[in-house]
């Protein structure tokens, strides 16, 4: 299993794929951990938008 990279996509030619691979190489979380982090970030962003809308509106 020396070549476990997925098939080449246009995104992999950019630096974003390198960045994400670097991050995932450092800490390999399970899928549930990734979903939890993404969900929490989304929730925080939603609350921030609601608060900003309340104060600015």
Protein backbone atom coordinates (compact mmCIF):
# COMPACT_ATOMS: atom_id res chain seq x y z
CA UNK A 1 0.00 0.00 0.00
CA UNK A 2 2.71 2.44 -0.97
CA UNK A 3 0.33 4.61 -3.00
CA UNK A 4 -2.79 5.28 -0.93
CA UNK A 5 -3.46 8.72 -2.42
CA UNK A 6 -6.86 9.26 -4.04
CA UNK A 7 -7.09 9.93 -7.74
CA UNK A 8 -5.80 13.32 -8.79
CA UNK A 9 -8.31 16.16 -8.69
CA UNK A 10 -7.90 19.84 -9.62
CA UNK A 11 -7.99 20.70 -5.91
CA UNK A 12 -4.86 18.64 -5.30
CA UNK A 13 -2.87 20.88 -7.63
CA UNK A 14 -3.46 23.81 -5.28
CA UNK A 15 -1.87 24.34 -1.90
CA UNK A 16 -5.14 23.52 -0.11
CA UNK A 17 -4.72 19.76 -0.54
CA UNK A 18 -1.16 20.02 0.74
CA UNK A 19 -2.38 21.97 3.76
CA UNK A 20 -5.15 19.52 4.59
CA UNK A 21 -2.84 16.54 4.12
CA UNK A 22 -0.31 18.20 6.43
CA UNK A 23 -2.99 18.81 9.07
CA UNK A 24 -4.39 15.29 8.82
CA UNK A 25 -0.89 13.79 8.93
CA UNK A 26 -0.32 15.53 12.26
CA UNK A 27 -3.62 14.52 13.87
CA UNK A 28 -5.64 11.72 12.29
CA UNK A 29 -9.06 12.09 13.91
CA UNK A 30 -11.91 9.70 13.28
CA UNK A 31 -14.79 10.71 11.06
CA UNK A 32 -16.98 11.34 14.09
CA UNK A 33 -14.41 13.76 15.54
CA UNK A 34 -14.23 15.67 12.26
CA UNK A 35 -18.03 15.88 12.09
CA UNK A 36 -18.19 17.05 15.69
CA UNK A 37 -15.60 19.80 15.10
CA UNK A 38 -17.29 20.94 11.88
CA UNK A 39 -20.67 20.92 13.59
CA UNK A 40 -19.43 22.96 16.53
CA UNK A 41 -17.75 25.48 14.23
CA UNK A 42 -20.94 25.79 12.22
CA UNK A 43 -22.99 26.29 15.38
CA UNK A 44 -20.63 28.99 16.65
CA UNK A 45 -20.72 30.73 13.26
CA UNK A 46 -24.52 30.61 13.23
CA UNK A 47 -24.76 32.09 16.73
CA UNK A 48 -22.25 34.80 15.79
CA UNK A 49 -24.32 35.69 12.71
CA UNK A 50 -27.52 35.84 14.75
CA UNK A 51 -25.90 38.07 17.39
CA UNK A 52 -24.40 40.36 14.74
CA UNK A 53 -27.75 40.56 12.96
CA UNK A 54 -29.48 41.44 16.23
CA UNK A 55 -27.05 44.23 17.11
CA UNK A 56 -26.64 45.61 13.59
CA UNK A 57 -30.29 45.27 12.59
